[in-house]
Amino acid sequence: MADELRFIDFGLIKPAKIMAATEAMYRLADREGTSVGYIWHPVKSIILGYSQIVEKEFNVERSTNLGYELTRRISGGGVAFASEDSQIQYGFIGNMREYSIPFDIIESYEMICQIMSYALEKFGLKGVFKPINDVLCNGKKISGSAQTRGNQVVLQNGTLLSDMNIREMLTCCNIPLEKISDKGISSVEERLTDLKRELNREVGLDEVREAMLYGFEQTFDVTLSMDELNAKEKKLTDSLLPKYYDRDWIYRHSSKKTSFGSYESSMEIREFGVDEG
């Protein structure tokens, strides 16, 4: 295992831009066998998992009216909902051989989700992995993750919740507005938590950021080498960015359209005619 892990802090960023950067880093890392960790502070956003049906997951009109930006990612899993200043999200693109990533999906989630458990440790909290891809704190979900794999690397994205606006989350879902009551919110709070609720205080996102850096260091026994996108990654990110605003990508799975639009068969790189070089 390497002594250093290349690491990028993207700061506050739009969902389309971070998903384009994620795909660019993932494609190039899979070709070159390299690894990178990264974090970002999401704007108000909803990021669909690769195979999710748009209308089944949320109400597009309500979400747009509330200022949420929508895109779809290349990894699986459920919706990543981010209300304003509610969390720090992370990514790990790791060479499976170099970091001894288990072939078994659940075992690999359990290994990489230690990032969240160590981050919670910095707050004096205990994180418990729950298969397939969640981390619980005091029996409630505080972190979820999603994965995809290439030939050489695994990509895992996830989040650590700090102050989630549950009412807005429910408003964005396909739930009749009259059913979004204090009782409904309490029901969600029985299953979902965040740092503010667990610590009974405001938690700054800088605190969350530092805890997540610690989580990466402890999980992989590395020193983080802070960096930014290189020239190849920037070029590929810029080329892929239109994809993450493209309705054919966002609505590739829709109750109104079961075909994939312009994303029918080949890999996304080829679909856009993007040159990785």
C-alpha atoms as a PDB file:
ATOM      1  CA  MET A   1       0.000   0.000   0.000  1.00  0.00           C
ATOM      2  CA  ALA A   2       1.208   3.514  -0.809  1.00  0.00           C
ATOM      3  CA  ASP A   3       2.506   5.833   1.926  1.00  0.00           C
ATOM      4  CA  GLU A   4       0.774   8.841   0.369  1.00  0.00           C
ATOM      5  CA  LEU A   5      -2.653   9.292  -1.188  1.00  0.00           C
ATOM      6  CA  ARG A   6      -3.220  12.072  -3.677  1.00  0.00           C
ATOM      7  CA  PHE A   7      -6.093  14.187  -2.381  1.00  0.00           C
ATOM      8  CA  ILE A   8      -8.265  17.009  -3.742  1.00  0.00           C
ATOM      9  CA  ASP A   9     -10.596  19.322  -1.819  1.00  0.00           C
ATOM     10  CA  PHE A  10     -13.006  20.763  -4.396  1.00  0.00           C
ATOM     11  CA  GLY A  11     -14.717  23.091  -1.923  1.00  0.00           C
ATOM     12  CA  LEU A  12     -18.197  24.394  -2.785  1.00  0.00           C
ATOM     13  CA  ILE A  13     -19.137  22.984  -6.184  1.00  0.00           C
ATOM     14  CA  LYS A  14     -22.149  22.317  -8.412  1.00  0.00           C
ATOM     15  CA  PRO A  15     -23.281  18.691  -8.867  1.00  0.00           C
ATOM     16  CA  ALA A  16     -22.688  18.602 -12.631  1.00  0.00           C
ATOM     17  CA  LYS A  17     -19.107  19.824 -12.224  1.00  0.00           C
ATOM     18  CA  ILE A  18     -18.155  17.376  -9.466  1.00  0.00           C
ATOM     19  CA  MET A  19     -19.757  14.452 -11.323  1.00  0.00           C
ATOM     20  CA  ALA A  20     -17.878  15.372 -14.504  1.00  0.00           C
ATOM     21  CA  ALA A  21     -14.638  15.609 -12.516  1.00  0.00           C
ATOM     22  CA  THR A  22     -15.416  12.295 -10.826  1.00  0.00           C
ATOM     23  CA  GLU A  23     -15.895  10.527 -14.148  1.00  0.00           C
ATOM     24  CA  ALA A  24     -12.763  12.117 -15.597  1.00  0.00           C
ATOM     25  CA  MET A  25     -10.618  11.040 -12.632  1.00  0.00           C
ATOM     26  CA  TYR A  26     -12.169   7.577 -12.625  1.00  0.00           C
ATOM     27  CA  ARG A  27     -11.624   6.912 -16.346  1.00  0.00           C
ATOM     28  CA  LEU A  28      -8.028   8.124 -16.281  1.00  0.00           C
ATOM     29  CA  ALA A  29      -7.224   6.323 -13.023  1.00  0.00           C
ATOM     30  CA  ASP A  30      -8.623   3.070 -14.403  1.00  0.00           C
ATOM     31  CA  ARG A  31      -6.410   3.412 -17.465  1.00  0.00           C
ATOM     32  CA  GLU A  32      -3.290   4.343 -15.480  1.00  0.00           C
ATOM     33  CA  GLY A  33      -3.867   2.341 -12.285  1.00  0.00           C
ATOM     34  CA  THR A  34      -3.662   5.408 -10.040  1.00  0.00           C
ATOM     35  CA  SER A  35      -5.595   6.416  -6.926  1.00  0.00           C
ATOM     36  CA  VAL A  36      -7.095   9.633  -5.551  1.00  0.00           C
ATOM     37  CA  GLY A  37      -9.285  10.696  -2.655  1.00  0.00           C
ATOM     38  CA  TYR A  38     -11.419  13.817  -2.661  1.00  0.00           C
ATOM     39  CA  ILE A  39     -14.130  15.739  -0.836  1.00  0.00           C
ATOM     40  CA  TRP A  40     -16.553  18.500  -1.739  1.00  0.00           C
ATOM     41  CA  HIS A  41     -19.162  20.800  -0.242  1.00  0.00           C
ATOM     42  CA  PRO A  42     -22.313  20.330  -2.346  1.00  0.00           C
ATOM     43  CA  VAL A  43     -24.652  23.164  -3.259  1.00  0.00           C
ATOM     44  CA  LYS A  44     -28.365  22.365  -2.910  1.00  0.00           C
ATOM     45  CA  SER A  45     -28.553  19.310  -5.130  1.00  0.00           C
ATOM     46  CA  ILE A  46     -30.090  15.948  -5.927  1.00  0.00           C
ATOM     47  CA  ILE A  47     -27.786  13.356  -7.488  1.00  0.00           C
ATOM     48  CA  LEU A  48     -29.499  10.248  -8.811  1.00  0.00           C
ATOM     49  CA  GLY A  49     -27.903   6.826  -8.739  1.00  0.00           C
ATOM     50  CA  TYR A  50     -27.012   5.383 -12.139  1.00  0.00           C
ATOM     51  CA  SER A  51     -30.167   3.276 -12.560  1.00  0.00           C
ATOM     52  CA  GLN A  52     -32.804   5.237 -10.662  1.00  0.00           C
ATOM     53  CA  ILE A  53     -36.085   6.365 -12.220  1.00  0.00           C
ATOM     54  CA  VAL A  54     -36.453  10.131 -11.931  1.00  0.00           C
ATOM     55  CA  GLU A  55     -40.171  10.475 -11.212  1.00  0.00           C
ATOM     56  CA  LYS A  56     -40.165   7.591  -8.750  1.00  0.00           C
ATOM     57  CA  GLU A  57     -37.579   9.279  -6.565  1.00  0.00           C
ATOM     58  CA  PHE A  58     -38.692  12.904  -6.328  1.00  0.00           C
ATOM     59  CA  ASN A  59     -40.986  15.666  -7.542  1.00  0.00           C
ATOM     60  CA  VAL A  60     -39.062  17.573 -10.223  1.00  0.00           C
ATOM     61  CA  GLU A  61     -41.204  20.722 -10.133  1.00  0.00           C
ATOM     62  CA  ARG A  62     -41.062  21.138  -6.368  1.00  0.00           C
ATOM     63  CA  SER A  63     -37.332  20.426  -6.263  1.00  0.00           C
ATOM     64  CA  THR A  64     -36.598  22.965  -8.995  1.00  0.00           C
ATOM     65  CA  ASN A  65     -38.753  25.609  -7.293  1.00  0.00           C
ATOM     66  CA  LEU A  66     -36.763  25.113  -4.099  1.00  0.00           C
ATOM     67  CA  GLY A  67     -33.514  25.720  -5.993  1.00  0.00           C
ATOM     68  CA  TYR A  68     -32.179  22.154  -6.175  1.00  0.00           C
ATOM     69  CA  GLU A  69     -29.874  21.224  -9.046  1.00  0.00           C
ATOM     70  CA  LEU A  70     -30.248  17.763 -10.535  1.00  0.00           C
ATOM     71  CA  THR A  71     -27.895  15.333 -12.205  1.00  0.00           C
ATOM     72  CA  ARG A  72     -27.122  11.611 -12.372  1.00  0.00           C
ATOM     73  CA  ARG A  73     -23.889   9.869 -11.405  1.00  0.00           C
ATOM     74  CA  ILE A  74     -22.060   6.880 -12.865  1.00  0.00           C
ATOM     75  CA  SER A  75     -22.116   4.915  -9.605  1.00  0.00           C
ATOM     76  CA  GLY A  76     -25.142   3.017  -8.334  1.00  0.00           C
ATOM     77  CA  GLY A  77     -27.047   3.383  -5.085  1.00  0.00           C
ATOM     78  CA  GLY A  78     -29.798   5.762  -4.038  1.00  0.00           C
ATOM     79  CA  VAL A  79     -30.408   9.491  -4.247  1.00  0.00           C
ATOM     80  CA  ALA A  80     -27.782  11.788  -2.721  1.00  0.00           C
ATOM     81  CA  PHE A  81     -29.883  14.678  -1.402  1.00  0.00           C
ATOM     82  CA  ALA A  82     -28.013  17.745  -0.172  1.00  0.00           C
ATOM     83  CA  SER A  83     -29.885  20.634   1.415  1.00  0.00           C
ATOM     84  CA  GLU A  84     -27.965  23.874   1.901  1.00  0.00           C
ATOM     85  CA  ASP A  85     -24.739  23.474   3.931  1.00  0.00           C
ATOM     86  CA  SER A  86     -25.949  20.075   5.113  1.00  0.00           C
ATOM     87  CA  GLN A  87     -22.929  17.818   4.557  1.00  0.00           C
ATOM     88  CA  ILE A  88     -19.526  17.097   3.108  1.00  0.00           C
ATOM     89  CA  GLN A  89     -19.415  14.428   0.400  1.00  0.00           C
ATOM     90  CA  TYR A  90     -16.430  12.259  -0.450  1.00  0.00           C
ATOM     91  CA  GLY A  91     -14.970  10.146  -3.208  1.00  0.00           C
ATOM     92  CA  PHE A  92     -12.302   7.461  -3.285  1.00  0.00           C
ATOM     93  CA  ILE A  93     -10.900   6.100  -6.521  1.00  0.00           C
ATOM     94  CA  GLY A  94      -8.554   3.339  -5.468  1.00  0.00           C
ATOM     95  CA  ASN A  95      -6.339   0.852  -7.247  1.00  0.00           C
ATOM     96  CA  MET A  96      -7.876  -2.393  -6.035  1.00  0.00           C
ATOM     97  CA  ARG A  97      -4.593  -4.287  -5.936  1.00  0.00           C
ATOM     98  CA  GLU A  98      -2.538  -1.530  -4.310  1.00  0.00           C
ATOM     99  CA  TYR A  99      -5.109  -0.910  -1.574  1.00  0.00           C
ATOM    100  CA  SER A 100      -6.144  -4.563  -1.195  1.00  0.00           C
ATOM    101  CA  ILE A 101      -9.784  -3.731  -1.925  1.00  0.00           C
ATOM    102  CA  PRO A 102     -11.867  -6.895  -1.411  1.00  0.00           C
ATOM    103  CA  PHE A 103     -13.514  -8.342  -4.505  1.00  0.00           C
ATOM    104  CA  ASP A 104     -16.691  -8.959  -2.497  1.00  0.00           C
ATOM    105  CA  ILE A 105     -18.942  -5.905  -2.820  1.00  0.00           C
ATOM    106  CA  ILE A 106     -20.119  -5.746   0.789  1.00  0.00           C
ATOM    107  CA  GLU A 107     -16.616  -6.333   2.140  1.00  0.00           C
ATOM    108  CA  SER A 108     -15.279  -3.544  -0.062  1.00  0.00           C
ATOM    109  CA  TYR A 109     -17.998  -1.173   1.180  1.00  0.00           C
ATOM    110  CA  GLU A 110     -17.193  -2.109   4.753  1.00  0.00           C
ATOM    111  CA  MET A 111     -13.509  -1.364   4.229  1.00  0.00           C
ATOM    112  CA  ILE A 112     -13.940   2.004   2.505  1.00  0.00           C
ATOM    113  CA  CYS A 113     -16.777   3.108   4.812  1.00  0.00           C
ATOM    114  CA  GLN A 114     -14.244   3.061   7.640  1.00  0.00           C
ATOM    115  CA  ILE A 115     -13.512   6.595   6.403  1.00  0.00           C
ATOM    116  CA  MET A 116     -16.841   7.623   7.930  1.00  0.00           C
ATOM    117  CA  SER A 117     -16.358   5.628  11.117  1.00  0.00           C
ATOM    118  CA  TYR A 118     -12.996   7.273  11.767  1.00  0.00           C
ATOM    119  CA  ALA A 119     -14.460  10.691  10.938  1.00  0.00           C
ATOM    120  CA  LEU A 120     -17.199  10.123  13.517  1.00  0.00           C
ATOM    121  CA  GLU A 121     -14.539   9.085  16.000  1.00  0.00           C
ATOM    122  CA  LYS A 122     -13.140  12.637  15.810  1.00  0.00           C
ATOM    123  CA  PHE A 123     -16.476  13.842  17.220  1.00  0.00           C
ATOM    124  CA  GLY A 124     -16.498  11.230  19.967  1.00  0.00           C
ATOM    125  CA  LEU A 125     -19.144   9.208  18.126  1.00  0.00           C
ATOM    126  CA  LYS A 126     -19.161   5.579  17.027  1.00  0.00           C
ATOM    127  CA  GLY A 127     -19.961   4.620  13.462  1.00  0.00           C
ATOM    128  CA  VAL A 128     -21.265   1.125  12.712  1.00  0.00           C
ATOM    129  CA  PHE A 129     -21.272  -0.276   9.188  1.00  0.00           C
ATOM    130  CA  LYS A 130     -24.634  -1.642   8.027  1.00  0.00           C
ATOM    131  CA  PRO A 131     -24.678  -3.626   4.766  1.00  0.00           C
ATOM    132  CA  ILE A 132     -24.944  -2.900   1.993  1.00  0.00           C
ATOM    133  CA  ASN A 133     -23.546   0.611   2.106  1.00  0.00           C
ATOM    134  CA  ASP A 134     -24.607   2.628   5.179  1.00  0.00           C
ATOM    135  CA  VAL A 135     -22.919   3.822   8.354  1.00  0.00           C
ATOM    136  CA  LEU A 136     -25.101   4.167  11.445  1.00  0.00           C
ATOM    137  CA  CYS A 137     -24.634   6.329  14.514  1.00  0.00           C
ATOM    138  CA  ASN A 138     -26.664   5.310  17.573  1.00  0.00           C
ATOM    139  CA  GLY A 139     -28.741   3.054  15.339  1.00  0.00           C
ATOM    140  CA  LYS A 140     -29.597   5.738  12.735  1.00  0.00           C
ATOM    141  CA  LYS A 141     -28.181   6.338   9.264  1.00  0.00           C
ATOM    142  CA  ILE A 142     -25.676   9.185   9.123  1.00  0.00           C
ATOM    143  CA  SER A 143     -23.806   8.194   5.963  1.00  0.00           C
ATOM    144  CA  GLY A 144     -24.575   6.369   2.717  1.00  0.00           C
ATOM    145  CA  SER A 145     -22.286   5.407  -0.147  1.00  0.00           C
ATOM    146  CA  ALA A 146     -22.356   4.156  -3.747  1.00  0.00           C
ATOM    147  CA  GLN A 147     -19.864   2.271  -5.908  1.00  0.00           C
ATOM    148  CA  THR A 148     -18.814   1.347  -9.392  1.00  0.00           C
ATOM    149  CA  ARG A 149     -15.775  -0.587 -10.635  1.00  0.00           C
ATOM    150  CA  GLY A 150     -13.449  -0.527 -13.581  1.00  0.00           C
ATOM    151  CA  ASN A 151     -10.696  -2.878 -14.630  1.00  0.00           C
ATOM    152  CA  GLN A 152      -8.171  -1.619 -12.081  1.00  0.00           C
ATOM    153  CA  VAL A 153      -9.966   0.747  -9.716  1.00  0.00           C
ATOM    154  CA  VAL A 154     -13.031   1.047  -7.553  1.00  0.00           C
ATOM    155  CA  LEU A 155     -14.942   4.316  -7.264  1.00  0.00           C
ATOM    156  CA  GLN A 156     -16.890   4.971  -4.078  1.00  0.00           C
ATOM    157  CA  ASN A 157     -18.830   8.151  -3.332  1.00  0.00           C
ATOM    158  CA  GLY A 158     -20.594   8.973  -0.092  1.00  0.00           C
ATOM    159  CA  THR A 159     -21.529  11.594   2.452  1.00  0.00           C
ATOM    160  CA  LEU A 160     -21.395  12.556   6.106  1.00  0.00           C
ATOM    161  CA  LEU A 161     -24.530  14.431   7.196  1.00  0.00           C
ATOM    162  CA  SER A 162     -24.038  17.451   9.443  1.00  0.00           C
ATOM    163  CA  ASP A 163     -27.366  19.326   9.409  1.00  0.00           C
ATOM    164  CA  MET A 164     -29.984  17.859   7.078  1.00  0.00           C
ATOM    165  CA  ASN A 165     -33.172  19.778   6.257  1.00  0.00           C
ATOM    166  CA  ILE A 166     -35.595  16.861   6.446  1.00  0.00           C
ATOM    167  CA  ARG A 167     -38.680  18.945   5.664  1.00  0.00           C
ATOM    168  CA  GLU A 168     -37.146  20.078   2.365  1.00  0.00           C
ATOM    169  CA  MET A 169     -36.053  16.538   1.578  1.00  0.00           C
ATOM    170  CA  LEU A 170     -39.613  15.279   2.036  1.00  0.00           C
ATOM    171  CA  THR A 171     -41.001  18.197   0.020  1.00  0.00           C
ATOM    172  CA  CYS A 172     -38.772  17.165  -2.895  1.00  0.00           C
ATOM    173  CA  CYS A 173     -40.029  13.582  -2.684  1.00  0.00           C
ATOM    174  CA  ASN A 174     -43.212  12.373  -4.367  1.00  0.00           C
ATOM    175  CA  ILE A 175     -45.277  12.774  -1.234  1.00  0.00           C
ATOM    176  CA  PRO A 176     -48.534  14.771  -1.115  1.00  0.00           C
ATOM    177  CA  LEU A 177     -47.778  18.086   0.589  1.00  0.00           C
ATOM    178  CA  GLU A 178     -50.555  17.578   3.109  1.00  0.00           C
ATOM    179  CA  LYS A 179     -48.761  14.455   4.356  1.00  0.00           C
ATOM    180  CA  ILE A 180     -45.527  16.319   5.111  1.00  0.00           C
ATOM    181  CA  SER A 181     -46.295  16.869   8.792  1.00  0.00           C
ATOM    182  CA  ASP A 182     -44.323  17.070  12.022  1.00  0.00           C
ATOM    183  CA  LYS A 183     -45.264  13.425  12.521  1.00  0.00           C
ATOM    184  CA  GLY A 184     -43.819  12.513   9.126  1.00  0.00           C
ATOM    185  CA  ILE A 185     -40.605  14.361   9.896  1.00  0.00           C
ATOM    186  CA  SER A 186     -40.352  12.616  13.261  1.00  0.00           C
ATOM    187  CA  SER A 187     -40.753   9.288  11.484  1.00  0.00           C
ATOM    188  CA  VAL A 188     -37.762  10.057   9.243  1.00  0.00           C
ATOM    189  CA  GLU A 189     -35.754  11.254  12.249  1.00  0.00           C
ATOM    190  CA  GLU A 190     -36.200   7.825  13.797  1.00  0.00           C
ATOM    191  CA  ARG A 191     -34.110   6.384  10.952  1.00  0.00           C
ATOM    192  CA  LEU A 192     -31.884   9.273   9.848  1.00  0.00           C
ATOM    193  CA  THR A 193     -29.555  11.475  11.880  1.00  0.00           C
ATOM    194  CA  ASP A 194     -26.815  14.064  11.495  1.00  0.00           C
ATOM    195  CA  LEU A 195     -23.952  15.507  13.522  1.00  0.00           C
ATOM    196  CA  LYS A 196     -25.991  18.435  14.819  1.00  0.00           C
ATOM    197  CA  ARG A 197     -28.580  16.113  16.347  1.00  0.00           C
ATOM    198  CA  GLU A 198     -26.029  13.674  17.732  1.00  0.00           C
ATOM    199  CA  LEU A 199     -23.859  16.365  19.333  1.00  0.00           C
ATOM    200  CA  ASN A 200     -26.688  18.777  20.201  1.00  0.00           C
ATOM    201  CA  ARG A 201     -24.731  21.701  18.770  1.00  0.00           C
ATOM    202  CA  GLU A 202     -23.953  23.446  15.517  1.00  0.00           C
ATOM    203  CA  VAL A 203     -21.192  21.669  13.586  1.00  0.00           C
ATOM    204  CA  GLY A 204     -19.192  23.727  11.114  1.00  0.00           C
ATOM    205  CA  LEU A 205     -18.417  22.179   7.753  1.00  0.00           C
ATOM    206  CA  ASP A 206     -14.726  22.918   8.372  1.00  0.00           C
ATOM    207  CA  GLU A 207     -14.955  20.523  11.322  1.00  0.00           C
ATOM    208  CA  VAL A 208     -16.542  17.889   9.102  1.00  0.00           C
ATOM    209  CA  ARG A 209     -13.869  18.430   6.468  1.00  0.00           C
ATOM    210  CA  GLU A 210     -11.042  17.907   8.962  1.00  0.00           C
ATOM    211  CA  ALA A 211     -12.717  14.811  10.365  1.00  0.00           C
ATOM    212  CA  MET A 212     -13.035  13.310   6.894  1.00  0.00           C
ATOM    213  CA  LEU A 213      -9.371  13.976   6.125  1.00  0.00           C
ATOM    214  CA  TYR A 214      -8.565  12.103   9.332  1.00  0.00           C
ATOM    215  CA  GLY A 215     -10.856   9.299   8.192  1.00  0.00           C
ATOM    216  CA  PHE A 216      -8.949   8.875   4.937  1.00  0.00           C
ATOM    217  CA  GLU A 217      -5.584   8.904   6.708  1.00  0.00           C
ATOM    218  CA  GLN A 218      -6.614   6.294   9.254  1.00  0.00           C
ATOM    219  CA  THR A 219      -8.494   4.003   6.873  1.00  0.00           C
ATOM    220  CA  PHE A 220      -5.649   3.677   4.384  1.00  0.00           C
ATOM    221  CA  ASP A 221      -2.721   4.391   6.730  1.00  0.00           C
ATOM    222  CA  VAL A 222      -1.467   7.197   4.488  1.00  0.00           C
ATOM    223  CA  THR A 223      -0.438  10.817   4.498  1.00  0.00           C
ATOM    224  CA  LEU A 224      -2.631  12.933   2.237  1.00  0.00           C
ATOM    225  CA  SER A 225      -0.838  14.782  -0.557  1.00  0.00           C
ATOM    226  CA  MET A 226      -3.056  17.789  -1.330  1.00  0.00           C
ATOM    227  CA  ASP A 227      -3.412  18.434  -5.051  1.00  0.00           C
ATOM    228  CA  GLU A 228      -5.772  19.690  -7.759  1.00  0.00           C
ATOM    229  CA  LEU A 229      -6.931  18.313 -11.088  1.00  0.00           C
ATOM    230  CA  ASN A 230      -4.086  17.852 -13.534  1.00  0.00           C
ATOM    231  CA  ALA A 231      -4.173  19.003 -17.160  1.00  0.00           C
ATOM    232  CA  LYS A 232      -5.588  15.708 -18.496  1.00  0.00           C
ATOM    233  CA  GLU A 233      -8.275  15.588 -15.829  1.00  0.00           C
ATOM    234  CA  LYS A 234      -9.277  19.217 -16.421  1.00  0.00           C
ATOM    235  CA  LYS A 235      -9.540  18.663 -20.155  1.00  0.00           C
ATOM    236  CA  LEU A 236     -11.665  15.543 -19.758  1.00  0.00           C
ATOM    237  CA  THR A 237     -13.819  17.194 -17.074  1.00  0.00           C
ATOM    238  CA  ASP A 238     -14.583  20.084 -19.402  1.00  0.00           C
ATOM    239  CA  SER A 239     -15.438  17.659 -22.209  1.00  0.00           C
ATOM    240  CA  LEU A 240     -17.762  15.633 -19.992  1.00  0.00           C
ATOM    241  CA  LEU A 241     -19.476  18.567 -18.287  1.00  0.00           C
ATOM    242  CA  PRO A 242     -22.282  18.969 -20.894  1.00  0.00           C
ATOM    243  CA  LYS A 243     -23.280  15.361 -20.243  1.00  0.00           C
ATOM    244  CA  TYR A 244     -24.221  16.115 -16.644  1.00  0.00           C
ATOM    245  CA  TYR A 245     -26.596  18.899 -17.731  1.00  0.00           C
ATOM    246  CA  ASP A 246     -28.025  16.812 -20.590  1.00  0.00           C
ATOM    247  CA  ARG A 247     -31.625  15.678 -20.129  1.00  0.00           C
ATOM    248  CA  ASP A 248     -30.855  12.477 -22.066  1.00  0.00           C
ATOM    249  CA  TRP A 249     -28.386  11.579 -19.314  1.00  0.00           C
ATOM    250  CA  ILE A 250     -30.411  12.798 -16.339  1.00  0.00           C
ATOM    251  CA  TYR A 251     -33.642  11.215 -17.608  1.00  0.00           C
ATOM    252  CA  ARG A 252     -32.057   8.089 -19.086  1.00  0.00           C
ATOM    253  CA  HIS A 253     -34.341   6.112 -16.761  1.00  0.00           C
ATOM    254  CA  SER A 254     -37.758   7.706 -16.662  1.00  0.00           C
ATOM    255  CA  SER A 255     -41.332   6.514 -16.318  1.00  0.00           C
ATOM    256  CA  LYS A 256     -41.986   8.374 -19.573  1.00  0.00           C
ATOM    257  CA  LYS A 257     -38.991   6.978 -21.443  1.00  0.00           C
ATOM    258  CA  THR A 258     -37.537   3.528 -21.006  1.00  0.00           C
ATOM    259  CA  SER A 259     -34.894   3.927 -23.694  1.00  0.00           C
ATOM    260  CA  PHE A 260     -31.535   5.502 -22.965  1.00  0.00           C
ATOM    261  CA  GLY A 261     -31.798   8.376 -25.417  1.00  0.00           C
ATOM    262  CA  SER A 262     -28.296   9.164 -26.630  1.00  0.00           C
ATOM    263  CA  TYR A 263     -26.853   6.770 -24.011  1.00  0.00           C
ATOM    264  CA  GLU A 264     -27.940   3.508 -25.530  1.00  0.00           C
ATOM    265  CA  SER A 265     -25.058   1.085 -25.462  1.00  0.00           C
ATOM    266  CA  SER A 266     -21.466   2.277 -25.384  1.00  0.00           C
ATOM    267  CA  MET A 267     -19.451   3.746 -22.550  1.00  0.00           C
ATOM    268  CA  GLU A 268     -20.067   7.401 -21.718  1.00  0.00           C
ATOM    269  CA  ILE A 269     -16.618   8.396 -22.926  1.00  0.00           C
ATOM    270  CA  ARG A 270     -17.307   7.046 -26.398  1.00  0.00           C
ATOM    271  CA  GLU A 271     -20.853   8.356 -26.417  1.00  0.00           C
ATOM    272  CA  PHE A 272     -19.517  11.875 -26.151  1.00  0.00           C
ATOM    273  CA  GLY A 273     -16.590  11.298 -28.480  1.00  0.00           C
ATOM    274  CA  VAL A 274     -14.269  12.447 -25.710  1.00  0.00           C
ATOM    275  CA  ASP A 275     -10.549  12.125 -26.216  1.00  0.00           C
ATOM    276  CA  GLU A 276      -8.913  11.021 -22.962  1.00  0.00           C
ATOM    277  CA  GLY A 277      -5.452  11.986 -24.149  1.00  0.00           C
END
